[in-house]
N, C-alpha and C. Protein backbone atom coordinates (compact mmCIF):
# COMPACT_ATOMS: atom_id res chain seq x y z
N UNK A 1 20.06 -32.07 -170.99
CA UNK A 1 20.67 -32.94 -171.97
C UNK A 1 19.55 -33.49 -172.99
N UNK A 2 18.25 -33.47 -172.73
CA UNK A 2 17.30 -33.83 -173.50
C UNK A 2 17.24 -32.93 -174.67
N UNK A 3 17.33 -31.64 -174.20
CA UNK A 3 17.48 -30.26 -175.49
C UNK A 3 18.52 -30.68 -176.50
N UNK A 4 19.78 -30.96 -175.62
CA UNK A 4 20.94 -31.22 -176.60
C UNK A 4 20.50 -32.32 -177.51
N UNK A 5 19.96 -33.38 -176.98
CA UNK A 5 19.69 -34.71 -177.52
C UNK A 5 18.97 -34.27 -179.02
N UNK A 6 17.66 -33.62 -178.57
CA UNK A 6 16.56 -33.15 -179.50
C UNK A 6 17.45 -32.10 -180.69
N UNK A 7 18.11 -31.20 -180.25
CA UNK A 7 18.88 -30.61 -181.20
C UNK A 7 19.81 -31.32 -182.16
N UNK A 8 20.71 -32.30 -181.68
CA UNK A 8 21.46 -33.07 -182.26
C UNK A 8 20.65 -34.15 -183.31
N UNK A 9 19.34 -34.46 -182.83
CA UNK A 9 18.59 -35.32 -183.86
C UNK A 9 18.31 -34.28 -184.90
N UNK A 10 17.93 -32.91 -184.78
CA UNK A 10 17.11 -32.11 -185.55
C UNK A 10 18.33 -31.95 -186.57
N UNK A 11 19.56 -31.98 -186.34
CA UNK A 11 20.42 -31.35 -187.12
C UNK A 11 21.26 -32.59 -187.89
N UNK A 12 20.35 -33.79 -187.58
CA UNK A 12 21.01 -34.97 -187.98
C UNK A 12 22.26 -35.44 -188.00
N UNK A 13 22.50 -35.23 -186.73
CA UNK A 13 24.00 -35.60 -186.10
C UNK A 13 23.80 -37.24 -185.34
N UNK A 14 23.63 -38.08 -186.09
CA UNK A 14 23.52 -39.62 -185.72
C UNK A 14 24.28 -39.96 -184.69
N UNK A 15 25.84 -39.85 -185.03
CA UNK A 15 26.82 -40.53 -184.01
C UNK A 15 26.62 -39.78 -182.78
N UNK A 16 26.56 -38.40 -182.87
CA UNK A 16 26.37 -37.48 -181.37
C UNK A 16 25.55 -37.89 -180.58
N UNK A 17 24.23 -37.75 -181.48
CA UNK A 17 23.10 -38.06 -180.78
C UNK A 17 22.88 -39.31 -180.12
N UNK A 18 23.70 -40.60 -180.70
CA UNK A 18 23.52 -41.59 -180.17
C UNK A 18 24.28 -41.62 -178.83
N UNK A 19 25.46 -40.76 -179.06
CA UNK A 19 26.21 -40.86 -177.65
C UNK A 19 25.44 -39.98 -176.48
N UNK A 20 24.83 -39.03 -176.88
CA UNK A 20 24.12 -38.09 -175.65
C UNK A 20 23.02 -39.18 -175.42
N UNK A 21 22.19 -39.86 -176.20
CA UNK A 21 21.05 -40.78 -175.81
C UNK A 21 21.57 -41.88 -174.80
N UNK A 22 22.76 -42.31 -175.03
CA UNK A 22 23.38 -43.43 -174.26
C UNK A 22 23.62 -42.68 -172.55
N UNK A 23 23.87 -41.35 -172.71
CA UNK A 23 24.18 -40.81 -171.50
C UNK A 23 23.11 -40.56 -170.70
N UNK A 24 21.86 -39.94 -171.52
CA UNK A 24 20.56 -39.73 -170.91
C UNK A 24 20.08 -40.92 -170.33
N UNK A 25 20.12 -41.90 -171.06
CA UNK A 25 19.37 -43.52 -170.45
C UNK A 25 20.15 -43.88 -169.08
N UNK A 26 21.18 -43.32 -168.72
CA UNK A 26 21.89 -43.45 -167.54
C UNK A 26 21.53 -42.50 -166.41
N UNK A 27 20.67 -41.40 -166.74
CA UNK A 27 20.34 -40.36 -165.68
C UNK A 27 19.01 -41.11 -164.73
N UNK A 28 19.16 -40.70 -163.46
CA UNK A 28 18.03 -41.42 -162.80
C UNK A 28 16.87 -40.99 -163.06
N UNK A 29 16.78 -39.57 -163.58
CA UNK A 29 15.25 -38.94 -164.08
C UNK A 29 14.78 -39.19 -165.36
N UNK A 30 15.53 -40.34 -166.02
CA UNK A 30 15.14 -40.85 -167.35
C UNK A 30 14.08 -41.53 -167.36
N UNK A 31 12.92 -41.21 -168.15
CA UNK A 31 11.77 -42.13 -168.38
C UNK A 31 11.45 -42.39 -170.09
N UNK A 32 11.83 -43.51 -170.39
CA UNK A 32 11.64 -43.78 -171.60
C UNK A 32 10.40 -43.51 -172.44
N UNK A 33 10.61 -43.20 -173.64
CA UNK A 33 9.26 -42.92 -174.34
C UNK A 33 9.40 -43.14 -176.11
N UNK A 34 8.47 -43.78 -176.41
CA UNK A 34 8.78 -44.45 -177.77
C UNK A 34 9.07 -43.19 -178.79
N UNK A 35 8.72 -42.21 -178.61
CA UNK A 35 8.95 -41.11 -179.68
C UNK A 35 10.30 -40.53 -179.63
N UNK A 36 11.06 -40.85 -178.39
CA UNK A 36 12.37 -40.59 -178.37
C UNK A 36 13.16 -41.71 -179.19
N UNK A 37 12.66 -43.05 -179.12
CA UNK A 37 13.12 -44.17 -179.75
C UNK A 37 13.00 -43.92 -181.49
N UNK A 38 11.93 -43.52 -181.60
CA UNK A 38 11.53 -43.21 -183.06
C UNK A 38 12.44 -42.29 -183.72
N UNK A 39 12.69 -41.03 -182.83
CA UNK A 39 13.70 -39.85 -183.38
C UNK A 39 15.06 -40.41 -183.64
N UNK A 40 15.36 -41.55 -182.63
CA UNK A 40 16.92 -41.91 -182.58
C UNK A 40 17.22 -42.76 -183.94
N UNK A 41 15.95 -43.75 -184.15
CA UNK A 41 16.34 -44.61 -185.07
C UNK A 41 16.09 -43.79 -186.51
N UNK A 42 15.43 -42.53 -186.63
CA UNK A 42 15.22 -41.94 -187.88
C UNK A 42 16.38 -41.20 -187.94
N UNK A 43 17.19 -40.71 -187.16
CA UNK A 43 18.21 -39.87 -187.47
C UNK A 43 19.64 -40.94 -187.64
N UNK A 44 19.53 -42.07 -186.86
CA UNK A 44 20.55 -43.04 -187.20
C UNK A 44 20.45 -43.84 -188.56
N UNK A 45 19.35 -44.17 -188.97
CA UNK A 45 18.74 -44.61 -190.10
C UNK A 45 19.44 -43.62 -191.51
N UNK A 46 18.77 -42.40 -191.18
CA UNK A 46 19.47 -41.53 -192.06
C UNK A 46 20.78 -41.45 -192.46
N UNK A 47 21.71 -41.67 -191.31
CA UNK A 47 22.84 -41.63 -191.37
C UNK A 47 23.64 -42.78 -191.76
N UNK A 48 22.68 -43.99 -192.17
CA UNK A 48 23.38 -45.09 -192.48
C UNK A 48 24.07 -45.90 -191.05
N UNK A 49 23.54 -45.63 -190.26
CA UNK A 49 24.18 -46.23 -188.89
C UNK A 49 23.33 -47.40 -188.64
N UNK A 50 23.12 -48.49 -189.32
CA UNK A 50 22.39 -49.70 -189.19
C UNK A 50 22.43 -50.31 -187.95
N UNK A 51 23.67 -50.35 -187.64
CA UNK A 51 24.13 -51.23 -186.40
C UNK A 51 23.38 -50.54 -185.21
N UNK A 52 24.02 -49.19 -185.00
CA UNK A 52 23.29 -48.16 -184.00
C UNK A 52 21.68 -48.36 -184.06
N UNK A 53 21.02 -48.55 -185.17
CA UNK A 53 19.47 -48.67 -184.99
C UNK A 53 19.29 -49.89 -184.34
N UNK A 54 20.16 -51.15 -184.70
CA UNK A 54 19.80 -52.18 -184.16
C UNK A 54 20.05 -52.11 -182.39
N UNK A 55 21.10 -51.36 -182.14
CA UNK A 55 21.36 -51.16 -180.78
C UNK A 55 20.34 -50.80 -179.83
N UNK A 56 19.78 -49.52 -180.42
CA UNK A 56 18.59 -48.82 -179.97
C UNK A 56 17.56 -49.65 -179.74
N UNK A 57 17.08 -50.54 -180.93
CA UNK A 57 16.05 -51.43 -180.69
C UNK A 57 16.43 -52.54 -179.44
N UNK A 58 17.59 -52.90 -179.54
CA UNK A 58 17.84 -53.92 -178.40
C UNK A 58 17.76 -53.25 -177.14
N UNK A 59 18.11 -51.75 -176.92
CA UNK A 59 17.73 -51.28 -175.59
C UNK A 59 16.24 -50.99 -175.24
N UNK A 60 15.47 -50.77 -176.48
CA UNK A 60 14.04 -50.59 -176.32
C UNK A 60 13.58 -51.64 -175.49
N UNK A 61 13.96 -53.13 -175.99
CA UNK A 61 13.61 -54.40 -175.43
C UNK A 61 13.88 -54.54 -174.15
N UNK A 62 14.66 -53.78 -173.80
CA UNK A 62 15.05 -53.75 -172.23
C UNK A 62 14.15 -52.87 -171.08
N UNK A 63 13.43 -51.93 -171.96
CA UNK A 63 12.75 -51.08 -171.35
C UNK A 63 11.38 -51.57 -170.75
N UNK A 64 10.79 -50.93 -170.12
CA UNK A 64 9.41 -51.38 -169.51
C UNK A 64 8.39 -50.25 -169.83
N UNK A 65 7.72 -50.04 -170.76
CA UNK A 65 7.06 -48.94 -171.00
C UNK A 65 5.59 -49.20 -170.96
N UNK A 66 4.95 -48.01 -170.55
CA UNK A 66 3.41 -48.19 -170.80
C UNK A 66 2.75 -48.58 -172.23
N UNK A 67 1.54 -49.32 -172.05
CA UNK A 67 1.06 -49.50 -173.38
C UNK A 67 0.95 -48.16 -174.30
N UNK A 68 1.57 -48.30 -175.44
CA UNK A 68 1.02 -46.73 -176.38
C UNK A 68 0.85 -47.64 -177.74
N UNK A 69 -0.25 -47.75 -178.14
CA UNK A 69 -0.26 -48.23 -179.62
C UNK A 69 0.15 -47.29 -180.51
N UNK A 70 -0.27 -46.00 -180.49
CA UNK A 70 0.09 -44.96 -181.45
C UNK A 70 1.72 -44.92 -181.46
N UNK A 71 2.39 -45.12 -180.46
CA UNK A 71 3.82 -44.73 -180.40
C UNK A 71 4.34 -46.09 -181.12
N UNK A 72 3.94 -47.21 -180.97
CA UNK A 72 4.28 -48.39 -181.58
C UNK A 72 4.06 -48.03 -182.81
N UNK A 73 2.81 -47.74 -183.34
CA UNK A 73 2.53 -47.57 -184.82
C UNK A 73 3.68 -46.73 -185.52
N UNK A 74 4.05 -45.48 -184.56
CA UNK A 74 5.10 -44.53 -185.32
C UNK A 74 6.43 -45.49 -185.43
N UNK A 75 6.85 -46.08 -184.50
CA UNK A 75 8.08 -46.99 -184.24
C UNK A 75 8.10 -48.13 -185.51
N UNK A 76 6.87 -48.85 -185.72
CA UNK A 76 6.82 -49.77 -186.68
C UNK A 76 6.94 -49.06 -188.15
N UNK A 77 6.05 -48.00 -188.63
CA UNK A 77 6.33 -47.29 -189.70
C UNK A 77 7.77 -46.69 -189.96
N UNK A 78 8.36 -46.28 -188.87
CA UNK A 78 9.64 -45.94 -189.25
C UNK A 78 10.63 -47.12 -189.58
N UNK A 79 10.50 -48.21 -188.92
CA UNK A 79 11.46 -49.15 -189.20
C UNK A 79 11.38 -49.65 -190.48
N UNK A 80 10.11 -49.95 -190.68
CA UNK A 80 9.59 -50.33 -192.24
C UNK A 80 10.26 -49.19 -193.28
N UNK A 81 9.95 -48.08 -193.13
CA UNK A 81 10.36 -47.19 -194.27
C UNK A 81 11.74 -47.42 -194.53
N UNK A 82 12.79 -47.64 -193.34
CA UNK A 82 14.14 -47.79 -193.66
C UNK A 82 14.44 -49.40 -193.99
N UNK A 83 13.65 -49.94 -193.90
CA UNK A 83 13.90 -51.58 -194.49
C UNK A 83 14.25 -52.61 -193.30
N UNK A 84 13.81 -51.99 -192.10
CA UNK A 84 14.27 -53.16 -190.73
C UNK A 84 12.85 -53.83 -190.69
N UNK A 85 12.85 -54.81 -191.59
CA UNK A 85 11.56 -55.70 -191.47
C UNK A 85 11.52 -56.63 -190.41
N UNK A 86 12.67 -57.20 -190.07
CA UNK A 86 12.76 -58.16 -188.99
C UNK A 86 12.72 -57.73 -187.73
N UNK A 87 13.23 -56.33 -187.56
CA UNK A 87 13.26 -55.71 -186.35
C UNK A 87 11.73 -55.14 -186.00
N UNK A 88 11.15 -54.55 -187.02
CA UNK A 88 9.62 -54.34 -187.13
C UNK A 88 8.94 -55.50 -186.28
N UNK A 89 9.08 -56.46 -186.84
CA UNK A 89 8.33 -57.79 -186.59
C UNK A 89 8.83 -57.99 -185.09
N UNK A 90 9.85 -57.70 -184.54
CA UNK A 90 10.27 -58.15 -182.92
C UNK A 90 9.54 -56.90 -182.20
N UNK A 91 9.46 -55.65 -182.76
CA UNK A 91 8.94 -54.60 -181.99
C UNK A 91 7.48 -54.78 -182.05
N UNK A 92 6.85 -55.35 -182.97
CA UNK A 92 5.17 -55.94 -183.12
C UNK A 92 5.14 -56.97 -182.07
N UNK A 93 6.02 -57.77 -182.10
CA UNK A 93 5.98 -58.64 -180.56
C UNK A 93 6.00 -58.06 -179.26
N UNK A 94 6.84 -57.02 -179.27
CA UNK A 94 7.01 -56.38 -177.98
C UNK A 94 5.91 -55.36 -177.56
N UNK A 95 5.27 -54.73 -178.84
CA UNK A 95 3.98 -54.22 -178.39
C UNK A 95 3.11 -54.96 -177.83
N UNK A 96 2.84 -56.29 -178.41
CA UNK A 96 1.83 -57.09 -177.96
C UNK A 96 2.23 -57.72 -176.33
N UNK A 97 3.40 -57.77 -176.04
CA UNK A 97 3.93 -58.29 -174.88
C UNK A 97 3.63 -57.35 -173.69
N UNK A 98 3.77 -55.98 -174.11
CA UNK A 98 3.61 -54.97 -173.42
C UNK A 98 2.32 -54.24 -173.08
N UNK A 99 1.13 -55.18 -173.76
CA UNK A 99 0.17 -55.06 -173.75
C UNK A 99 -0.62 -53.64 -174.47
N UNK A 100 0.18 -53.27 -175.32
CA UNK A 100 -0.60 -52.11 -176.29
C UNK A 100 -1.19 -53.09 -177.44
N UNK A 101 -2.38 -52.53 -177.42
CA UNK A 101 -3.45 -53.36 -178.39
C UNK A 101 -3.26 -53.07 -179.87
N UNK A 102 -2.86 -53.95 -180.64
CA UNK A 102 -2.69 -53.54 -182.44
C UNK A 102 -3.84 -53.13 -182.66
N UNK A 103 -4.05 -51.93 -183.60
CA UNK A 103 -5.35 -51.53 -184.22
C UNK A 103 -5.23 -51.87 -185.67
N UNK A 104 -6.18 -51.29 -186.36
CA UNK A 104 -6.34 -51.36 -187.59
C UNK A 104 -5.13 -50.81 -188.47
N UNK A 105 -4.63 -49.61 -187.88
CA UNK A 105 -3.45 -48.78 -188.08
C UNK A 105 -2.12 -49.86 -188.25
N UNK A 106 -2.27 -50.35 -187.07
CA UNK A 106 -0.86 -51.43 -186.79
C UNK A 106 -0.57 -52.56 -187.82
N UNK A 107 -1.83 -52.92 -188.23
CA UNK A 107 -1.96 -54.18 -189.22
C UNK A 107 -1.85 -53.48 -190.58
N UNK A 108 -2.34 -52.25 -190.88
CA UNK A 108 -2.21 -51.75 -192.14
C UNK A 108 -0.83 -51.25 -192.57
N UNK A 109 -0.31 -50.63 -191.17
CA UNK A 109 1.35 -50.45 -191.68
C UNK A 109 2.22 -51.31 -191.80
N UNK A 110 1.95 -52.47 -190.83
CA UNK A 110 2.89 -53.78 -191.09
C UNK A 110 2.74 -54.19 -192.59
N UNK A 111 1.58 -54.51 -192.93
CA UNK A 111 1.15 -55.22 -194.33
C UNK A 111 1.43 -54.35 -195.39
N UNK A 112 1.43 -53.24 -195.59
CA UNK A 112 1.68 -52.38 -196.45
C UNK A 112 3.36 -52.06 -196.52
N UNK A 113 3.84 -51.92 -195.09
CA UNK A 113 5.26 -51.82 -195.40
C UNK A 113 6.12 -53.08 -195.68
N UNK A 114 5.67 -54.39 -195.32
CA UNK A 114 6.17 -55.50 -195.66
C UNK A 114 5.88 -55.89 -197.10
N UNK A 115 4.60 -55.43 -197.43
CA UNK A 115 4.51 -55.42 -199.28
C UNK A 115 5.36 -54.46 -199.84
N UNK A 116 5.54 -53.79 -199.47
CA UNK A 116 6.59 -52.54 -200.38
C UNK A 116 7.97 -53.13 -200.24
N UNK A 117 8.42 -53.80 -198.86
CA UNK A 117 9.63 -54.01 -198.78
C UNK A 117 10.02 -55.68 -199.66
N UNK A 118 8.90 -56.11 -199.99
CA UNK A 118 9.16 -57.37 -200.72
C UNK A 118 9.31 -58.65 -199.59
N UNK A 119 8.78 -58.35 -198.46
CA UNK A 119 8.62 -59.58 -197.47
C UNK A 119 7.56 -60.32 -197.36
N UNK A 120 7.41 -61.24 -198.45
CA UNK A 120 6.18 -61.93 -198.68
C UNK A 120 5.80 -63.01 -197.59
N UNK A 121 6.98 -63.62 -197.13
CA UNK A 121 6.77 -64.45 -196.03
C UNK A 121 6.14 -63.92 -194.93
N UNK A 122 6.85 -62.66 -194.18
CA UNK A 122 6.24 -61.76 -193.18
C UNK A 122 4.87 -61.31 -193.45
N UNK A 123 4.77 -60.92 -194.45
CA UNK A 123 3.36 -60.37 -195.05
C UNK A 123 2.37 -61.41 -194.82
N UNK A 124 2.74 -62.56 -195.35
CA UNK A 124 1.20 -63.66 -195.24
C UNK A 124 1.21 -63.94 -193.73
N UNK A 125 2.28 -63.93 -192.82
CA UNK A 125 2.03 -64.13 -191.30
C UNK A 125 1.19 -63.10 -191.03
N UNK A 126 1.48 -61.77 -191.20
CA UNK A 126 0.68 -60.67 -190.57
C UNK A 126 -0.53 -60.66 -190.83
N UNK A 127 -0.95 -61.08 -192.10
CA UNK A 127 -2.20 -61.13 -192.80
C UNK A 127 -3.09 -62.09 -192.10
N UNK A 128 -2.51 -63.30 -191.71
CA UNK A 128 -2.97 -64.47 -190.98
C UNK A 128 -3.37 -63.75 -189.54
N UNK A 129 -2.35 -63.04 -189.11
CA UNK A 129 -2.71 -62.90 -187.57
C UNK A 129 -3.82 -61.93 -187.78
N UNK A 130 -3.83 -60.85 -188.58
CA UNK A 130 -5.07 -59.84 -188.78
C UNK A 130 -6.39 -60.53 -188.89
N UNK A 131 -6.33 -61.50 -189.83
CA UNK A 131 -7.52 -62.37 -190.04
C UNK A 131 -8.27 -62.84 -188.71
N UNK A 132 -7.04 -63.41 -187.92
CA UNK A 132 -7.55 -64.05 -186.65
C UNK A 132 -8.19 -63.00 -185.60
N UNK A 133 -7.33 -61.82 -185.66
CA UNK A 133 -7.36 -60.60 -184.82
C UNK A 133 -8.73 -60.11 -184.63
N UNK A 134 -9.34 -59.89 -186.10
CA UNK A 134 -10.45 -59.36 -186.40
C UNK A 134 -11.36 -60.10 -187.05
N UNK A 135 -11.41 -61.39 -186.59
CA UNK A 135 -12.46 -62.30 -186.89
C UNK A 135 -12.62 -62.53 -188.47
N UNK A 136 -11.62 -62.45 -189.41
CA UNK A 136 -11.73 -62.58 -190.82
C UNK A 136 -12.09 -61.41 -191.40
N UNK A 137 -12.38 -60.29 -190.68
CA UNK A 137 -12.73 -59.20 -191.50
C UNK A 137 -11.51 -58.42 -191.67
N UNK A 138 -11.30 -58.04 -193.04
CA UNK A 138 -10.14 -57.33 -193.36
C UNK A 138 -10.49 -56.10 -194.18
N UNK A 139 -11.60 -55.80 -194.13
CA UNK A 139 -12.15 -54.63 -194.68
C UNK A 139 -11.37 -53.41 -194.72
N UNK A 140 -10.87 -53.20 -193.51
CA UNK A 140 -10.20 -51.92 -193.21
C UNK A 140 -8.77 -51.97 -193.98
N UNK A 141 -8.21 -53.16 -194.55
CA UNK A 141 -7.21 -52.87 -195.22
C UNK A 141 -7.45 -52.46 -196.91
N UNK A 142 -8.37 -52.60 -197.45
CA UNK A 142 -9.06 -51.94 -198.81
C UNK A 142 -9.53 -50.58 -198.38
N UNK A 143 -9.95 -50.09 -197.30
CA UNK A 143 -10.34 -48.82 -196.68
C UNK A 143 -9.00 -48.07 -196.95
N UNK A 144 -7.91 -48.55 -196.44
CA UNK A 144 -6.29 -48.04 -196.21
C UNK A 144 -6.13 -47.84 -197.56
N UNK A 145 -6.02 -48.74 -198.66
CA UNK A 145 -5.76 -48.65 -199.88
C UNK A 145 -6.50 -47.49 -200.41
N UNK A 146 -7.85 -47.26 -200.05
CA UNK A 146 -8.42 -46.10 -200.95
C UNK A 146 -8.02 -44.93 -200.31
N UNK A 147 -7.62 -44.70 -199.03
CA UNK A 147 -7.20 -43.64 -198.44
C UNK A 147 -5.77 -43.54 -199.23
N UNK A 148 -4.93 -44.11 -199.26
CA UNK A 148 -3.92 -43.94 -200.16
C UNK A 148 -3.91 -43.55 -201.27
N UNK A 149 -4.75 -44.18 -202.17
CA UNK A 149 -5.12 -43.66 -203.22
C UNK A 149 -5.42 -42.07 -203.65
N UNK A 150 -6.43 -41.93 -202.66
CA UNK A 150 -6.83 -40.45 -202.74
C UNK A 150 -5.97 -39.56 -202.30
N UNK A 151 -5.19 -40.02 -201.30
CA UNK A 151 -3.92 -38.86 -200.95
C UNK A 151 -2.95 -38.58 -202.18
N UNK A 152 -2.86 -39.55 -203.21
CA UNK A 152 -1.89 -39.48 -204.28
C UNK A 152 -2.29 -38.31 -205.22
């Protein structure tokens, strides 16, 4: 079933992938992984299935996952790339609740994504949190900007 799910995701079949995903979640052997959620969100968002993206995120909130900062960073980046700003913030709170420690990349992803999406209120709250988290040292944001400029 997982192979079928991956193939449907690869083919961009959002509706069918969603149906298979729901069946996979019911299986006794199913162990949730953030990467599967990221792949589902990507295929659904690419197909314009915003309600299904929100539903996938509601499923995620009911899971109990191991701490995975890198996985959450992928999730946050994906949500922000598709304009799911509030959902990304919900997942950021979930990340901390599940004891996945936000790192510099986490805050860089959030700040850059929210800024790109024009979410100034959320951006300011994330910057405030980053300042508290890193004792006022936000030099890593400037380094991230340099990395982005160098890639262009």
